Amino acid sequence: MDEKQKKQFKEAVHKEMKIIRTEIPRLEKQCEPIAPDASLGRLTRMDNIVNQSVAKKQLSNLKTRLRKLEEALRDVDEDEDFGRCVECDEPIPMARLLAMPETRLCVDCAE
């Protein structure tokens, strides 16, 4: 990966991380416990519980993705093999790295 590609990659990762960091607080708010004394109907309370469960899963996924993006950002400078498939050692296409910065596999090996 040349310097121009590294710069492009870093910009894409920073952009994605910014989006995730703005989304995390919104999901954390949705994950707050539902007050038992809130005057909600039974169905509304059930809807809120389901929505809260979905938000918790999304929050977990976003935190995991953020951690992986942070690792990719670190690795792009520190790992000379960054951008090469860990299975077949072929270069991972830049389009794939931009779409999935945390990937370590080329398309063929990922299938």
Protein backbone atom coordinates (compact mmCIF):
# COMPACT_ATOMS: atom_id res chain seq x y z
CA MET A 1 0.00 0.00 0.00
CA ASP A 2 1.53 3.30 -1.05
CA GLU A 3 1.33 6.58 0.89
CA LYS A 4 -1.55 7.93 -1.21
CA GLN A 5 -3.60 4.80 -0.52
CA LYS A 6 -2.73 4.96 3.18
CA LYS A 7 -3.95 8.56 3.33
CA GLN A 8 -7.17 7.65 1.53
CA PHE A 9 -7.67 4.68 3.85
CA LYS A 10 -7.07 6.76 6.99
CA GLU A 11 -9.53 9.43 5.85
CA ALA A 12 -12.21 6.81 5.23
CA VAL A 13 -11.59 5.18 8.62
CA HIS A 14 -11.67 8.51 10.47
CA LYS A 15 -14.95 9.37 8.73
CA GLU A 16 -16.49 6.03 9.72
CA MET A 17 -15.24 6.35 13.30
CA LYS A 18 -16.78 9.83 13.56
CA ILE A 19 -20.15 8.46 12.45
CA ILE A 20 -19.94 5.61 14.96
CA ARG A 21 -18.91 7.93 17.81
CA THR A 22 -21.98 10.10 17.21
CA GLU A 23 -24.25 7.05 17.03
CA ILE A 24 -23.02 5.39 20.25
CA PRO A 25 -24.45 8.02 22.67
CA ARG A 26 -27.85 7.84 20.95
CA LEU A 27 -27.93 4.07 21.36
CA GLU A 28 -26.70 4.29 24.96
CA LYS A 29 -29.65 6.55 25.71
CA GLN A 30 -32.02 4.00 24.17
CA CYS A 31 -30.47 1.30 26.36
CA GLU A 32 -31.26 3.10 29.61
CA PRO A 33 -33.63 1.15 31.87
CA ILE A 34 -37.31 1.78 31.41
CA ALA A 35 -38.73 3.28 34.57
CA PRO A 36 -41.31 0.91 36.06
CA ASP A 37 -43.42 3.83 37.23
CA ALA A 38 -43.64 5.34 33.74
CA SER A 39 -47.25 5.50 32.68
CA LEU A 40 -47.05 3.23 29.68
CA GLY A 41 -49.54 0.71 28.46
CA ARG A 42 -48.59 -2.93 28.48
CA LEU A 43 -48.04 -3.07 24.70
CA THR A 44 -46.06 0.16 24.69
CA ARG A 45 -43.86 -1.18 27.47
CA MET A 46 -43.28 -4.39 25.49
CA ASP A 47 -42.41 -2.36 22.37
CA ASN A 48 -39.93 -0.35 24.42
CA ILE A 49 -38.34 -3.52 25.80
CA VAL A 50 -37.96 -4.96 22.28
CA ASN A 51 -36.54 -1.67 20.98
CA GLN A 52 -34.14 -1.56 23.91
CA SER A 53 -32.95 -5.08 23.14
CA VAL A 54 -32.32 -4.16 19.51
CA ALA A 55 -30.47 -1.00 20.58
CA LYS A 56 -28.25 -3.02 22.94
CA LYS A 57 -27.25 -5.36 20.12
CA GLN A 58 -26.57 -2.44 17.77
CA LEU A 59 -24.52 -0.72 20.48
CA SER A 60 -22.46 -3.84 21.03
CA ASN A 61 -21.85 -4.21 17.29
CA LEU A 62 -20.84 -0.55 16.92
CA LYS A 63 -18.41 -0.72 19.84
CA THR A 64 -16.83 -3.84 18.35
CA ARG A 65 -16.58 -2.18 14.92
CA LEU A 66 -15.06 0.96 16.46
CA ARG A 67 -12.41 -1.15 18.20
CA LYS A 68 -11.60 -2.94 14.94
CA LEU A 69 -11.37 0.36 13.06
CA GLU A 70 -9.00 1.72 15.70
CA GLU A 71 -6.85 -1.41 15.25
CA ALA A 72 -6.88 -1.00 11.46
CA LEU A 73 -5.86 2.64 11.80
CA ARG A 74 -2.95 1.62 13.99
CA ASP A 75 -1.97 -1.31 11.77
CA VAL A 76 -1.91 0.69 8.54
CA ASP A 77 1.20 2.49 9.82
CA GLU A 78 2.78 -0.23 11.96
CA ASP A 79 2.20 -3.44 9.98
CA GLU A 80 4.09 -3.65 6.70
CA ASP A 81 1.77 -6.47 5.58
CA PHE A 82 -1.37 -4.39 6.13
CA GLY A 83 -3.59 -4.62 3.05
CA ARG A 84 -2.49 -8.16 2.27
CA CYS A 85 -4.76 -11.14 2.86
CA VAL A 86 -3.73 -13.11 5.95
CA GLU A 87 -4.75 -16.37 4.22
CA CYS A 88 -3.27 -16.16 0.71
CA ASP A 89 -0.95 -13.14 1.07
CA GLU A 90 -2.45 -11.48 -2.03
CA PRO A 91 -3.16 -7.73 -1.91
CA ILE A 92 -6.68 -6.87 -0.75
CA PRO A 93 -8.26 -4.51 -3.33
CA MET A 94 -8.43 -0.91 -2.14
CA ALA A 95 -12.18 -0.81 -2.82
CA ARG A 96 -12.66 -3.67 -0.34
CA LEU A 97 -10.45 -1.99 2.27
CA LEU A 98 -12.43 1.24 1.92
CA ALA A 99 -15.75 -0.60 2.21
CA MET A 100 -14.59 -2.82 5.09
CA PRO A 101 -11.48 -1.26 6.66
CA GLU A 102 -11.33 -3.89 9.37
CA THR A 103 -11.09 -6.79 6.92
CA ARG A 104 -7.97 -8.94 6.82
CA LEU A 105 -9.17 -11.28 4.06
CA CYS A 106 -9.53 -10.84 0.32
CA VAL A 107 -12.92 -11.60 -1.22
CA ASP A 108 -11.92 -15.10 -2.35
CA CYS A 109 -10.65 -16.14 1.09
CA ALA A 110 -13.61 -14.53 2.87
CA GLU A 111 -16.02 -16.79 0.98
